Amino acid sequence: MGLLSSIKSTLIISLSIFMPAFCSNYTISCSQPTQPALLEALSPVFDLNDIRPVRNMSTCTNVTIFFTLYGILGVDEKAQLLTAYIWLQCLWINEFVSWDPVQCGTDMMALPSSQFWIPDIVINEFMEENKAPPVPYLYLYSNGQVNLAIPVRVVSSCNLNIYTFPFDIQNCIYTFNSYLHYASDIKIYLGRSAELITQISQSVMATMGEWELLEITANKVNHDGENQNLYYDELEFQIRLKRRATMYVVNLLLPSCFLITVDLFSFLLPPQSVDRSAFKMTLILGYTVFLLIMNDLLPVTGNTIPLINVFFSLCLALMVASLLETILITNLLCGSADFSPVPHWMRVLVLQFLGVIVCMPRMNKKTAVAAIETYVGLQEPKGQSAEDLAVYELKKLGKDLQAIRLKVDQELKDSQSSEEWMQVGFIIDRLLFGLYILFISVSFITIIIIWVNSYNK
């Protein structure tokens, strides 16, 4: 009991000596106005770097933050990541420190950051370790304010919407909050207006690549009415980026439009010519090689399918459809004589309905049946001779003419069926030609409108 009483008395005496230095009197006295004297006077404060620098534990530490965006290093559409380089500044008050600038000779001093308590502010969207070079110092002011400025290489998750690629605008969010301390211990405030942050970032930004910074907005997450011991105080920054589309327009869209236009003018070649099929096949091969070469420029993601991918697929589908249509027409023109007559439904749908739509009405050609009948009628014997030989010769002649008539009728029917199949082929050819013109016109107008709107935003 005597030993315990002695230890207890020693602790009370030690605390009574220690407490006035750090709990009752927080003004540091310097022996002379020099940095070594100030550093020596601050040495007891360094021992308190493991605790939050407040006199009363119920006091909240207000941390003021802002940053400058120095560069956009890259955007990974597949992994949904934004890589940026920022210079982050945090300011807070250390209640254990204050001194007289006149007595100590300065109102600020650069000191090792490891000697002070630093708030555990993190970015919620962080996906990788900060690989920026560390800054070992911070500024300490005579009123106890601490200013920490550090570079941060931020690899953050970002919900990328590339539906309108390459004319897309992305919104990425940085949410700053404490990793451990609740809002009752640490509150985060904006230290600089969002407009000024945007203006400074745009003026000093050195690395952007294909991206352009539009604006940075800040929003304080509201937790009114909630218990401060149940949530973390948050400050949210929204970064709006716009992709520079010129490279993609020149390297992707224009070549694709040129190739599809060449395929459009290939309809002027004679359908029955073999060169037309070979020409279209060469275009398809060239377009496929073009897409393979430029595949690295296209975004890859599982969320949405970009419109540009749909455009390329439609272009390739039209080229393949035009090649198949050319093969069909060539077959109709060269082998229609061996085909059966055109079905009634196809005659009504294609020759009458679609023919009027594409301005190719059904051809009305005179058949030779009436002419043959008139000719046969004129050659029929009138039976004016009563001689048996004459009657026999006339009957024989009538049989020969009847056989000729049947043969001519058969040839005329085959010719009419062949012409109808040829007409079907020409109507289909012109219909696809019209679809080509419509697709190219709509695509060009859509691309121009989206491009102009992206520059107006």
Protein backbone atom coordinates (compact mmCIF):
# COMPACT_ATOMS: atom_id res chain seq x y z
CA MET A 1 0.00 0.00 0.00
CA GLY A 2 2.85 2.35 0.78
CA LEU A 3 4.42 1.66 -2.63
CA LEU A 4 1.15 2.26 -4.46
CA SER A 5 0.58 5.50 -2.57
CA SER A 6 4.06 6.64 -3.50
CA ILE A 7 3.53 5.84 -7.20
CA LYS A 8 0.15 7.60 -7.19
CA SER A 9 1.64 10.69 -5.58
CA THR A 10 4.45 10.71 -8.17
CA LEU A 11 1.94 10.50 -11.07
CA ILE A 12 -0.15 13.33 -9.63
CA ILE A 13 2.92 15.51 -9.30
CA SER A 14 4.07 14.67 -12.83
CA LEU A 15 0.66 15.45 -14.27
CA SER A 16 0.46 18.68 -12.33
CA ILE A 17 3.75 19.70 -13.90
CA PHE A 18 2.83 18.46 -17.38
CA MET A 19 -0.75 19.71 -17.63
CA PRO A 20 -0.04 23.40 -17.26
CA ALA A 21 2.31 23.20 -20.21
CA PHE A 22 -0.21 21.64 -22.57
CA CYS A 23 -3.68 22.11 -21.14
CA SER A 24 -3.59 25.38 -19.30
CA ASN A 25 -1.01 27.39 -21.21
CA TYR A 26 -0.68 26.82 -24.94
CA THR A 27 1.45 29.86 -25.78
CA ILE A 28 5.05 28.90 -26.51
CA SER A 29 7.83 31.18 -25.25
CA CYS A 30 11.01 31.50 -27.28
CA SER A 31 14.34 32.29 -25.63
CA GLN A 32 15.36 34.34 -28.67
CA PRO A 33 13.83 35.23 -32.07
CA THR A 34 15.55 32.45 -34.04
CA GLN A 35 14.39 29.25 -35.70
CA PRO A 36 16.48 26.97 -33.43
CA ALA A 37 14.91 28.60 -30.38
CA LEU A 38 11.42 28.17 -31.83
CA LEU A 39 12.15 24.56 -32.74
CA GLU A 40 13.37 23.89 -29.20
CA ALA A 41 10.24 25.48 -27.77
CA LEU A 42 8.06 23.30 -30.03
CA SER A 43 9.77 20.05 -29.08
CA PRO A 44 7.24 19.20 -26.30
CA VAL A 45 4.41 19.58 -28.83
CA PHE A 46 5.96 16.93 -31.06
CA ASP A 47 5.22 14.34 -28.39
CA LEU A 48 1.50 14.93 -28.93
CA ASN A 49 1.41 14.00 -32.61
CA ASP A 50 -0.60 10.85 -31.95
CA ILE A 51 -3.72 12.59 -30.63
CA ARG A 52 -6.18 15.01 -32.15
CA PRO A 53 -4.93 18.54 -31.27
CA VAL A 54 -7.86 19.86 -29.24
CA ARG A 55 -8.06 21.02 -25.61
CA ASN A 56 -11.41 19.38 -25.05
CA MET A 57 -12.21 16.02 -26.65
CA SER A 58 -15.72 17.21 -27.42
CA THR A 59 -14.30 19.99 -29.61
CA CYS A 60 -14.59 19.30 -33.34
CA THR A 61 -11.58 19.77 -35.61
CA ASN A 62 -12.54 21.78 -38.67
CA VAL A 63 -10.50 20.74 -41.70
CA THR A 64 -10.57 23.03 -44.72
CA ILE A 65 -9.60 21.45 -48.04
CA PHE A 66 -9.30 22.37 -51.70
CA PHE A 67 -7.25 21.11 -54.60
CA THR A 68 -5.86 22.08 -57.98
CA LEU A 69 -6.23 19.68 -60.89
CA TYR A 70 -2.86 19.64 -62.65
CA GLY A 71 -3.39 16.90 -65.19
CA ILE A 72 -5.75 14.26 -66.58
CA LEU A 73 -3.51 11.26 -67.15
CA GLY A 74 -6.05 8.91 -68.69
CA VAL A 75 -9.52 7.42 -68.74
CA ASP A 76 -10.02 3.66 -68.85
CA GLU A 77 -13.51 2.98 -70.22
CA LYS A 78 -13.23 -0.77 -69.74
CA ALA A 79 -12.22 -0.58 -66.07
CA GLN A 80 -14.30 2.59 -65.45
CA LEU A 81 -11.32 4.46 -64.01
CA LEU A 82 -10.16 8.09 -64.13
CA THR A 83 -6.48 8.82 -63.51
CA ALA A 84 -5.69 12.40 -62.54
CA TYR A 85 -2.96 14.37 -60.78
CA ILE A 86 -4.03 16.89 -58.14
CA TRP A 87 -2.34 19.12 -55.57
CA LEU A 88 -4.33 18.79 -52.35
CA GLN A 89 -4.22 21.36 -49.55
CA CYS A 90 -5.58 20.78 -46.05
CA LEU A 91 -5.75 23.38 -43.27
CA TRP A 92 -6.70 22.90 -39.61
CA ILE A 93 -5.95 24.36 -36.17
CA ASN A 94 -3.56 22.72 -33.71
CA GLU A 95 -4.75 23.99 -30.35
CA PHE A 96 -1.54 22.88 -28.67
CA VAL A 97 0.53 25.49 -30.51
CA SER A 98 0.69 29.28 -30.54
CA TRP A 99 3.50 31.81 -30.17
CA ASP A 100 4.25 35.47 -30.40
CA PRO A 101 5.67 36.23 -33.88
CA VAL A 102 7.68 39.15 -32.51
CA GLN A 103 9.19 37.14 -29.68
CA CYS A 104 10.00 34.12 -31.88
CA GLY A 105 11.01 36.15 -34.95
CA THR A 106 8.58 34.57 -37.46
CA ASP A 107 4.89 33.86 -37.89
CA MET A 108 5.34 30.57 -39.78
CA MET A 109 7.76 27.71 -39.99
CA ALA A 110 8.20 24.62 -42.19
CA LEU A 111 8.41 21.50 -40.05
CA PRO A 112 8.43 17.73 -40.67
CA SER A 113 4.88 16.48 -41.15
CA SER A 114 5.68 13.34 -39.17
CA GLN A 115 5.90 15.47 -35.99
CA PHE A 116 2.24 16.51 -36.14
CA TRP A 117 -1.18 14.94 -36.12
CA ILE A 118 -2.61 14.83 -39.66
CA PRO A 119 -6.31 14.25 -40.37
CA ASP A 120 -7.09 10.96 -42.07
CA ILE A 121 -8.85 12.51 -45.07
CA VAL A 122 -9.32 10.07 -47.97
CA ILE A 123 -11.09 10.01 -51.32
CA ASN A 124 -13.85 7.43 -51.29
CA GLU A 125 -13.42 6.66 -54.99
CA PHE A 126 -9.73 5.82 -54.61
CA MET A 127 -8.92 2.54 -56.37
CA GLU A 128 -5.11 2.43 -56.16
CA GLU A 129 -2.36 3.53 -53.83
CA ASN A 130 -1.14 7.10 -54.18
CA LYS A 131 2.08 6.84 -56.20
CA ALA A 132 2.93 10.54 -56.14
CA PRO A 133 6.21 11.51 -54.45
CA PRO A 134 5.72 12.25 -50.73
CA VAL A 135 6.13 15.76 -49.30
CA PRO A 136 7.81 15.50 -45.86
CA TYR A 137 7.05 19.04 -44.67
CA LEU A 138 4.12 21.25 -43.71
CA TYR A 139 3.68 24.86 -42.64
CA LEU A 140 2.89 25.75 -39.03
CA TYR A 141 1.65 29.28 -38.27
CA SER A 142 1.88 31.27 -35.05
CA ASN A 143 -1.87 31.01 -34.41
CA GLY A 144 -1.72 27.20 -34.53
CA GLN A 145 -2.93 26.80 -38.09
CA VAL A 146 -1.39 23.89 -39.99
CA ASN A 147 -1.14 23.94 -43.78
CA LEU A 148 -0.43 20.63 -45.50
CA ALA A 149 0.01 20.56 -49.29
CA ILE A 150 0.65 17.22 -50.96
CA PRO A 151 0.55 15.85 -54.53
CA VAL A 152 -1.89 13.02 -55.12
CA ARG A 153 -2.07 10.70 -58.11
CA VAL A 154 -5.75 9.80 -57.98
CA VAL A 155 -6.90 6.61 -59.67
CA SER A 156 -10.61 6.76 -58.95
CA SER A 157 -13.70 4.87 -60.01
CA CYS A 158 -15.94 6.83 -62.35
CA ASN A 159 -19.25 5.85 -63.88
CA LEU A 160 -18.42 6.52 -67.54
CA ASN A 161 -21.25 6.92 -70.03
CA ILE A 162 -19.84 6.49 -73.54
CA TYR A 163 -23.13 6.17 -75.41
CA THR A 164 -22.37 9.33 -77.44
CA PHE A 165 -18.65 8.51 -77.95
CA PRO A 166 -16.60 10.38 -79.21
CA PHE A 167 -18.78 13.37 -78.35
CA ASP A 168 -19.28 12.32 -74.72
CA ILE A 169 -19.05 14.42 -71.55
CA GLN A 170 -18.09 12.59 -68.35
CA ASN A 171 -18.93 13.48 -64.75
CA CYS A 172 -16.53 12.04 -62.17
CA ILE A 173 -16.88 12.51 -58.42
CA TYR A 174 -14.28 12.92 -55.67
CA THR A 175 -15.76 12.47 -52.19
CA PHE A 176 -13.50 13.59 -49.33
CA ASN A 177 -14.21 12.26 -45.84
CA SER A 178 -12.42 11.01 -42.77
CA TYR A 179 -11.43 7.38 -42.74
CA LEU A 180 -12.02 6.85 -39.01
CA HIS A 181 -13.35 9.97 -37.28
CA TYR A 182 -17.06 10.70 -37.21
CA ALA A 183 -18.56 14.12 -37.83
CA SER A 184 -18.43 14.83 -34.10
CA ASP A 185 -14.61 14.78 -34.34
CA ILE A 186 -13.81 16.08 -37.82
CA LYS A 187 -15.80 18.29 -40.14
CA ILE A 188 -14.69 19.13 -43.65
CA TYR A 189 -15.22 22.52 -45.29
CA LEU A 190 -14.46 23.99 -48.68
CA GLY A 191 -11.49 26.33 -48.54
CA ARG A 192 -11.81 27.88 -51.98
CA SER A 193 -14.78 28.53 -54.26
CA ALA A 194 -15.45 25.95 -56.95
CA GLU A 195 -15.28 28.64 -59.65
CA LEU A 196 -11.78 29.65 -58.52
CA ILE A 197 -10.69 26.00 -58.37
CA THR A 198 -11.89 25.53 -61.95
CA GLN A 199 -10.20 28.71 -63.15
CA ILE A 200 -6.85 27.90 -61.53
CA SER A 201 -6.97 24.27 -62.70
CA GLN A 202 -7.64 25.28 -66.30
CA SER A 203 -4.78 27.79 -66.24
CA VAL A 204 -2.14 25.45 -64.79
CA MET A 205 -3.25 22.17 -66.34
CA ALA A 206 -0.34 20.71 -68.29
CA THR A 207 -1.52 17.21 -69.20
CA MET A 208 -4.98 16.62 -70.62
CA GLY A 209 -4.50 14.29 -73.59
CA GLU A 210 -7.80 13.87 -75.38
CA TRP A 211 -9.79 15.41 -72.51
CA GLU A 212 -10.76 18.97 -71.70
CA LEU A 213 -11.78 20.21 -68.26
CA LEU A 214 -15.15 21.97 -68.34
CA GLU A 215 -15.78 22.76 -64.69
CA ILE A 216 -15.42 21.61 -61.10
CA THR A 217 -18.34 21.93 -58.72
CA ALA A 218 -18.44 21.33 -54.96
CA ASN A 219 -21.28 20.06 -52.81
CA LYS A 220 -21.41 19.57 -49.06
CA VAL A 221 -23.28 16.38 -48.23
CA ASN A 222 -26.14 17.32 -45.92
CA HIS A 223 -26.80 15.22 -42.79
CA ASP A 224 -29.16 17.53 -40.94
CA GLY A 225 -30.97 15.89 -38.07
CA GLU A 226 -28.64 12.90 -37.85
CA ASN A 227 -26.46 11.98 -34.91
CA GLN A 228 -22.92 13.21 -35.55
CA ASN A 229 -21.54 10.02 -34.02
CA LEU A 230 -23.22 7.93 -36.71
CA TYR A 231 -21.90 9.40 -39.97
CA TYR A 232 -18.74 10.77 -41.55
CA ASP A 233 -18.69 14.35 -42.74
CA GLU A 234 -18.25 14.49 -46.53
CA LEU A 235 -17.35 17.07 -49.15
CA GLU A 236 -18.09 16.11 -52.75
CA PHE A 237 -16.41 17.49 -55.88
CA GLN A 238 -17.82 16.85 -59.34
CA ILE A 239 -15.39 17.04 -62.26
CA ARG A 240 -16.88 17.47 -65.75
CA LEU A 241 -14.67 16.41 -68.65
CA LYS A 242 -15.27 16.64 -72.38
CA ARG A 243 -13.55 14.42 -74.92
CA ARG A 244 -11.83 16.06 -77.86
CA ALA A 245 -13.56 14.40 -80.79
CA THR A 246 -11.50 15.70 -83.71
CA MET A 247 -9.10 12.76 -83.77
CA TYR A 248 -11.94 10.23 -83.81
CA VAL A 249 -13.88 12.10 -86.47
CA VAL A 250 -10.84 12.26 -88.78
CA ASN A 251 -9.60 8.70 -88.14
CA LEU A 252 -12.88 6.80 -87.71
CA LEU A 253 -16.03 8.53 -88.91
CA LEU A 254 -14.83 10.24 -92.09
CA PRO A 255 -13.05 7.15 -93.56
CA SER A 256 -16.10 5.04 -92.78
CA CYS A 257 -18.39 7.57 -94.47
CA PHE A 258 -16.09 7.68 -97.51
CA LEU A 259 -16.13 3.89 -97.89
CA ILE A 260 -19.90 3.66 -97.57
CA THR A 261 -20.23 6.46 -100.16
CA VAL A 262 -18.02 4.55 -102.59
CA ASP A 263 -20.22 1.50 -102.07
CA LEU A 264 -23.22 3.72 -102.81
CA PHE A 265 -21.83 4.78 -106.19
CA SER A 266 -21.05 1.16 -107.05
CA PHE A 267 -24.77 0.79 -107.79
CA LEU A 268 -24.08 2.72 -111.01
CA LEU A 269 -22.16 -0.29 -112.34
CA PRO A 270 -24.14 -2.72 -114.55
CA PRO A 271 -25.79 -5.33 -112.31
CA GLN A 272 -25.05 -8.18 -114.70
CA SER A 273 -21.34 -7.35 -114.71
CA VAL A 274 -19.04 -9.56 -112.66
CA ASP A 275 -16.91 -6.49 -111.83
CA ARG A 276 -19.67 -5.13 -109.61
CA SER A 277 -19.63 -8.14 -107.30
CA ALA A 278 -15.82 -8.16 -107.16
CA PHE A 279 -15.77 -4.43 -106.42
CA LYS A 280 -18.22 -4.77 -103.53
CA MET A 281 -16.33 -7.74 -102.12
CA THR A 282 -13.10 -5.72 -102.18
CA LEU A 283 -14.84 -2.87 -100.34
CA ILE A 284 -16.08 -5.22 -97.61
CA LEU A 285 -12.59 -6.64 -97.17
CA GLY A 286 -11.09 -3.14 -96.98
CA TYR A 287 -13.70 -1.97 -94.48
CA THR A 288 -13.09 -5.01 -92.27
CA VAL A 289 -9.33 -4.38 -92.25
CA PHE A 290 -10.00 -0.72 -91.45
CA LEU A 291 -12.11 -1.65 -88.41
CA LEU A 292 -9.45 -4.08 -87.18
CA ILE A 293 -6.72 -1.45 -87.46
CA MET A 294 -8.78 1.21 -85.68
CA ASN A 295 -10.13 -1.15 -83.02
CA ASP A 296 -7.79 0.29 -80.37
CA LEU A 297 -9.45 3.69 -80.71
CA LEU A 298 -12.89 2.32 -79.91
CA PRO A 299 -14.04 2.17 -76.27
CA VAL A 300 -14.66 -1.16 -74.62
CA THR A 301 -17.22 -1.32 -71.82
CA GLY A 302 -20.01 -3.54 -70.61
CA ASN A 303 -22.46 -0.85 -69.51
CA THR A 304 -23.71 0.62 -72.79
CA ILE A 305 -22.98 0.16 -76.48
CA PRO A 306 -21.65 3.36 -78.07
CA LEU A 307 -23.56 4.74 -81.04
CA ILE A 308 -20.38 4.70 -83.11
CA ASN A 309 -20.21 0.90 -82.79
CA VAL A 310 -23.81 0.66 -83.97
CA PHE A 311 -22.94 2.96 -86.89
CA PHE A 312 -20.01 0.76 -87.94
CA SER A 313 -22.13 -2.38 -87.66
CA LEU A 314 -24.87 -0.86 -89.83
CA CYS A 315 -22.31 0.22 -92.43
CA LEU A 316 -20.88 -3.29 -92.61
CA ALA A 317 -24.36 -4.80 -92.71
CA LEU A 318 -25.34 -2.55 -95.63
CA MET A 319 -22.20 -3.51 -97.53
CA VAL A 320 -22.91 -7.20 -97.04
CA ALA A 321 -26.56 -6.71 -98.01
CA SER A 322 -25.53 -4.88 -101.20
CA LEU A 323 -23.18 -7.74 -102.11
CA LEU A 324 -25.90 -10.34 -101.55
CA GLU A 325 -28.33 -8.23 -103.56
CA THR A 326 -25.83 -8.00 -106.42
CA ILE A 327 -25.44 -11.78 -106.41
CA LEU A 328 -29.22 -12.17 -106.47
CA ILE A 329 -29.67 -9.74 -109.37
CA THR A 330 -26.87 -11.38 -111.35
CA ASN A 331 -28.60 -14.73 -110.89
CA LEU A 332 -31.96 -13.28 -111.96
CA LEU A 333 -30.53 -11.62 -115.06
CA CYS A 334 -28.50 -14.61 -116.19
CA GLY A 335 -30.73 -17.57 -115.25
CA SER A 336 -34.28 -16.27 -115.10
CA ALA A 337 -35.20 -18.16 -118.26
CA ASP A 338 -35.11 -21.40 -116.29
CA PHE A 339 -37.20 -20.08 -113.40
CA SER A 340 -40.86 -20.76 -112.82
CA PRO A 341 -43.26 -17.84 -113.28
CA VAL A 342 -43.23 -15.09 -110.64
CA PRO A 343 -45.64 -15.95 -107.78
CA HIS A 344 -48.75 -13.86 -107.53
CA TRP A 345 -47.87 -12.43 -104.10
CA MET A 346 -44.45 -11.35 -105.32
CA ARG A 347 -45.95 -9.85 -108.46
CA VAL A 348 -48.32 -7.76 -106.34
CA LEU A 349 -45.82 -6.82 -103.62
CA VAL A 350 -42.74 -6.13 -105.71
CA LEU A 351 -43.89 -5.32 -109.25
CA GLN A 352 -46.91 -3.26 -108.30
CA PHE A 353 -46.34 -1.88 -104.77
CA LEU A 354 -42.54 -1.52 -104.43
CA GLY A 355 -42.21 -0.65 -108.11
CA VAL A 356 -44.36 2.43 -107.61
CA ILE A 357 -42.40 3.42 -104.47
CA VAL A 358 -39.02 3.30 -106.24
CA CYS A 359 -40.50 4.92 -109.39
CA MET A 360 -40.18 1.78 -111.54
CA PRO A 361 -43.74 0.81 -112.57
CA ARG A 362 -44.39 -2.52 -114.23
CA MET A 363 -43.45 -2.54 -117.91
CA ASN A 364 -46.46 -2.98 -120.26
CA LYS A 365 -45.22 -4.79 -123.32
CA LYS A 366 -47.42 -6.07 -126.15
CA THR A 367 -47.41 -9.77 -126.49
CA ALA A 368 -47.29 -11.41 -129.83
CA VAL A 369 -50.21 -13.72 -129.09
CA ALA A 370 -52.79 -11.45 -130.70
CA ALA A 371 -50.53 -10.89 -133.67
CA ILE A 372 -50.05 -14.62 -134.11
CA GLU A 373 -53.77 -15.23 -133.84
CA THR A 374 -54.44 -12.58 -136.47
CA TYR A 375 -51.78 -14.09 -138.68
CA VAL A 376 -53.21 -17.59 -138.27
CA GLY A 377 -56.71 -16.29 -138.90
CA LEU A 378 -55.61 -14.71 -142.16
CA GLN A 379 -53.92 -17.91 -143.30
CA GLU A 380 -56.81 -20.19 -142.60
CA PRO A 381 -58.29 -21.59 -145.82
CA LYS A 382 -61.73 -20.41 -146.77
CA GLY A 383 -62.70 -23.73 -148.28
CA GLN A 384 -63.51 -22.28 -151.67
CA SER A 385 -61.95 -25.31 -153.54
CA ALA A 386 -63.92 -28.53 -153.70
CA GLU A 387 -61.01 -30.68 -154.78
CA ASP A 388 -59.79 -33.26 -152.29
CA LEU A 389 -56.12 -32.50 -152.84
CA ALA A 390 -56.59 -28.86 -152.05
CA VAL A 391 -58.53 -29.68 -148.88
CA TYR A 392 -55.80 -32.05 -147.78
CA GLU A 393 -53.08 -29.48 -148.33
CA LEU A 394 -55.04 -26.84 -146.50
CA LYS A 395 -55.63 -29.11 -143.52
CA LYS A 396 -51.97 -29.98 -143.41
CA LEU A 397 -51.06 -26.32 -143.57
CA GLY A 398 -53.49 -25.58 -140.71
CA LYS A 399 -51.84 -28.21 -138.53
CA ASP A 400 -48.41 -26.79 -139.23
CA LEU A 401 -49.57 -23.30 -138.37
CA GLN A 402 -51.16 -24.56 -135.16
CA ALA A 403 -47.90 -26.21 -134.14
CA ILE A 404 -46.01 -23.00 -134.87
CA ARG A 405 -48.52 -21.05 -132.84
CA LEU A 406 -48.12 -23.33 -129.81
CA LYS A 407 -44.34 -23.04 -130.04
CA VAL A 408 -44.48 -19.23 -130.24
CA ASP A 409 -46.92 -19.10 -127.30
CA GLN A 410 -44.52 -21.17 -125.20
CA GLU A 411 -41.58 -18.91 -126.09
CA LEU A 412 -43.60 -15.79 -125.31
CA LYS A 413 -44.64 -17.14 -121.92
CA ASP A 414 -41.01 -17.97 -121.03
CA SER A 415 -39.89 -14.53 -122.20
CA GLN A 416 -42.59 -12.80 -120.15
CA SER A 417 -41.63 -14.77 -116.99
CA SER A 418 -37.94 -13.92 -117.52
CA GLU A 419 -38.74 -10.24 -117.94
CA GLU A 420 -40.81 -10.23 -114.74
CA TRP A 421 -37.92 -11.78 -112.78
CA MET A 422 -35.56 -9.20 -114.25
CA GLN A 423 -37.97 -6.47 -113.27
CA VAL A 424 -38.03 -7.85 -109.70
CA GLY A 425 -34.24 -7.66 -109.61
CA PHE A 426 -34.13 -4.05 -110.84
CA ILE A 427 -36.75 -2.97 -108.30
CA ILE A 428 -34.81 -4.58 -105.42
CA ASP A 429 -31.61 -2.93 -106.66
CA ARG A 430 -33.17 0.52 -106.72
CA LEU A 431 -34.84 -0.06 -103.33
CA LEU A 432 -31.48 -0.84 -101.69
CA PHE A 433 -29.97 2.16 -103.46
CA GLY A 434 -32.63 4.38 -101.87
CA LEU A 435 -32.01 2.85 -98.44
CA TYR A 436 -28.30 3.59 -98.87
CA ILE A 437 -29.00 7.25 -99.63
CA LEU A 438 -31.37 7.52 -96.66
CA PHE A 439 -28.88 5.90 -94.25
CA ILE A 440 -25.96 8.07 -95.35
CA SER A 441 -28.02 11.26 -95.17
CA VAL A 442 -29.36 10.52 -91.68
CA SER A 443 -25.91 9.46 -90.44
CA PHE A 444 -24.16 12.58 -91.75
CA ILE A 445 -26.80 14.91 -90.33
CA THR A 446 -26.77 13.15 -86.93
CA ILE A 447 -22.98 13.26 -86.68
CA ILE A 448 -22.86 16.95 -87.57
CA ILE A 449 -25.60 17.85 -85.06
CA ILE A 450 -23.97 15.91 -82.20
CA TRP A 451 -20.55 17.37 -83.06
CA VAL A 452 -21.88 20.94 -83.09
CA ASN A 453 -23.80 20.44 -79.82
CA SER A 454 -20.69 19.04 -78.11
CA TYR A 455 -18.78 22.24 -78.92
CA ASN A 456 -21.63 24.45 -77.77
CA LYS A 457 -21.77 22.87 -74.31
